[in-house]
Amino acid sequence: SVIIGNGVTSVGNWAFDYCSSLTIYCEAESQPSGWSSGWNYSDCPVYWYSENEPSTDGNYWHYGTSGEIIIWE
């Protein structure tokens, strides 16, 4: 797995090519406009950060009290 920090403003095409078993956790709440449309070419699972439990469908996560990743279900 990899965590992409909230300050990342650009991710290019095929950034995670050939990483089919990778899970991507993004500290951003949604894909920033500067990221290439082909950044996740291998279609890895992506989770977007949400401090509060989201009211919309999608893949979201947040940090637990010990800094661990917790998936909102």
C-alpha atoms as a PDB file:
ATOM      1  CA  SER A   1       0.000   0.000   0.000  1.00  0.00           C
ATOM      2  CA  VAL A   2       0.987   3.636  -0.403  1.00  0.00           C
ATOM      3  CA  ILE A   3      -0.281   6.876   1.130  1.00  0.00           C
ATOM      4  CA  ILE A   4      -0.267   9.898  -1.171  1.00  0.00           C
ATOM      5  CA  GLY A   5       0.004  13.030   0.950  1.00  0.00           C
ATOM      6  CA  ASN A   6      -2.501  15.871   0.761  1.00  0.00           C
ATOM      7  CA  GLY A   7       0.181  18.217  -0.600  1.00  0.00           C
ATOM      8  CA  VAL A   8       0.746  16.176  -3.779  1.00  0.00           C
ATOM      9  CA  THR A   9      -0.548  18.340  -6.608  1.00  0.00           C
ATOM     10  CA  SER A  10       0.563  16.293  -9.615  1.00  0.00           C
ATOM     11  CA  VAL A  11       0.658  12.597 -10.459  1.00  0.00           C
ATOM     12  CA  GLY A  12       1.562  11.638 -14.027  1.00  0.00           C
ATOM     13  CA  ASN A  13       0.318   8.968 -16.413  1.00  0.00           C
ATOM     14  CA  TRP A  14       1.092   5.375 -15.477  1.00  0.00           C
ATOM     15  CA  ALA A  15       2.480   6.374 -12.059  1.00  0.00           C
ATOM     16  CA  PHE A  16       1.424   3.002 -10.667  1.00  0.00           C
ATOM     17  CA  ASP A  17       1.695   0.926 -13.851  1.00  0.00           C
ATOM     18  CA  TYR A  18       2.346  -2.781 -13.159  1.00  0.00           C
ATOM     19  CA  CYS A  19       1.273  -2.349  -9.529  1.00  0.00           C
ATOM     20  CA  SER A  20      -1.898  -4.406  -9.742  1.00  0.00           C
ATOM     21  CA  SER A  21      -1.801  -5.548  -6.085  1.00  0.00           C
ATOM     22  CA  LEU A  22      -1.287  -2.025  -4.701  1.00  0.00           C
ATOM     23  CA  THR A  23      -3.867  -0.242  -2.525  1.00  0.00           C
ATOM     24  CA  ILE A  24      -3.671   3.557  -2.699  1.00  0.00           C
ATOM     25  CA  TYR A  25      -4.700   5.785   0.207  1.00  0.00           C
ATOM     26  CA  CYS A  26      -4.946   9.464  -0.725  1.00  0.00           C
ATOM     27  CA  GLU A  27      -4.995  12.115   1.980  1.00  0.00           C
ATOM     28  CA  ALA A  28      -7.003  14.281  -0.431  1.00  0.00           C
ATOM     29  CA  GLU A  29     -10.804  14.044  -0.293  1.00  0.00           C
ATOM     30  CA  SER A  30     -11.025  13.625  -4.088  1.00  0.00           C
ATOM     31  CA  GLN A  31      -8.703  13.547  -7.088  1.00  0.00           C
ATOM     32  CA  PRO A  32      -6.883  16.887  -7.426  1.00  0.00           C
ATOM     33  CA  SER A  33      -7.244  18.580 -10.814  1.00  0.00           C
ATOM     34  CA  GLY A  34      -3.485  18.423 -11.463  1.00  0.00           C
ATOM     35  CA  TRP A  35      -3.402  14.634 -11.504  1.00  0.00           C
ATOM     36  CA  SER A  36      -3.307  12.987 -14.920  1.00  0.00           C
ATOM     37  CA  SER A  37      -6.426  11.064 -15.913  1.00  0.00           C
ATOM     38  CA  GLY A  38      -4.213   7.971 -16.380  1.00  0.00           C
ATOM     39  CA  TRP A  39      -2.441   8.179 -13.018  1.00  0.00           C
ATOM     40  CA  ASN A  40      -3.965   4.887 -11.826  1.00  0.00           C
ATOM     41  CA  TYR A  41      -3.497   2.984 -15.072  1.00  0.00           C
ATOM     42  CA  SER A  42      -3.493  -0.415 -13.335  1.00  0.00           C
ATOM     43  CA  ASP A  43      -6.869   0.396 -11.723  1.00  0.00           C
ATOM     44  CA  CYS A  44      -5.634  -0.186  -8.179  1.00  0.00           C
ATOM     45  CA  PRO A  45      -8.151   0.290  -5.349  1.00  0.00           C
ATOM     46  CA  VAL A  46      -8.129   3.939  -4.226  1.00  0.00           C
ATOM     47  CA  TYR A  47      -9.393   5.289  -0.904  1.00  0.00           C
ATOM     48  CA  TRP A  48      -9.974   9.004  -0.341  1.00  0.00           C
ATOM     49  CA  TYR A  49      -9.514  10.660   3.018  1.00  0.00           C
ATOM     50  CA  SER A  50     -12.523  11.707   5.089  1.00  0.00           C
ATOM     51  CA  GLU A  51     -12.140  12.720   8.736  1.00  0.00           C
ATOM     52  CA  ASN A  52     -15.879  12.236   9.315  1.00  0.00           C
ATOM     53  CA  GLU A  53     -17.941   9.273   8.178  1.00  0.00           C
ATOM     54  CA  PRO A  54     -19.019  10.108   4.612  1.00  0.00           C
ATOM     55  CA  SER A  55     -22.671  10.325   3.673  1.00  0.00           C
ATOM     56  CA  THR A  56     -21.982   9.384   0.034  1.00  0.00           C
ATOM     57  CA  ASP A  57     -20.954   6.049  -1.468  1.00  0.00           C
ATOM     58  CA  GLY A  58     -17.319   5.476  -2.283  1.00  0.00           C
ATOM     59  CA  ASN A  59     -14.047   4.305  -0.816  1.00  0.00           C
ATOM     60  CA  TYR A  60     -13.002   6.440   2.155  1.00  0.00           C
ATOM     61  CA  TRP A  61     -10.600   6.147   5.052  1.00  0.00           C
ATOM     62  CA  HIS A  62      -9.298   8.055   8.067  1.00  0.00           C
ATOM     63  CA  TYR A  63      -6.540   7.808  10.663  1.00  0.00           C
ATOM     64  CA  GLY A  64      -7.253   5.972  13.916  1.00  0.00           C
ATOM     65  CA  THR A  65      -6.093   7.231  17.293  1.00  0.00           C
ATOM     66  CA  SER A  66      -2.754   5.419  16.913  1.00  0.00           C
ATOM     67  CA  GLY A  67      -2.223   6.648  13.338  1.00  0.00           C
ATOM     68  CA  GLU A  68      -3.457   3.454  11.722  1.00  0.00           C
ATOM     69  CA  ILE A  69      -5.565   3.470   8.548  1.00  0.00           C
ATOM     70  CA  ILE A  70      -9.259   2.768   9.162  1.00  0.00           C
ATOM     71  CA  ILE A  71     -11.622   2.184   6.255  1.00  0.00           C
ATOM     72  CA  TRP A  72     -15.071   3.773   6.552  1.00  0.00           C
ATOM     73  CA  GLU A  73     -17.632   1.011   5.956  1.00  0.00           C
END
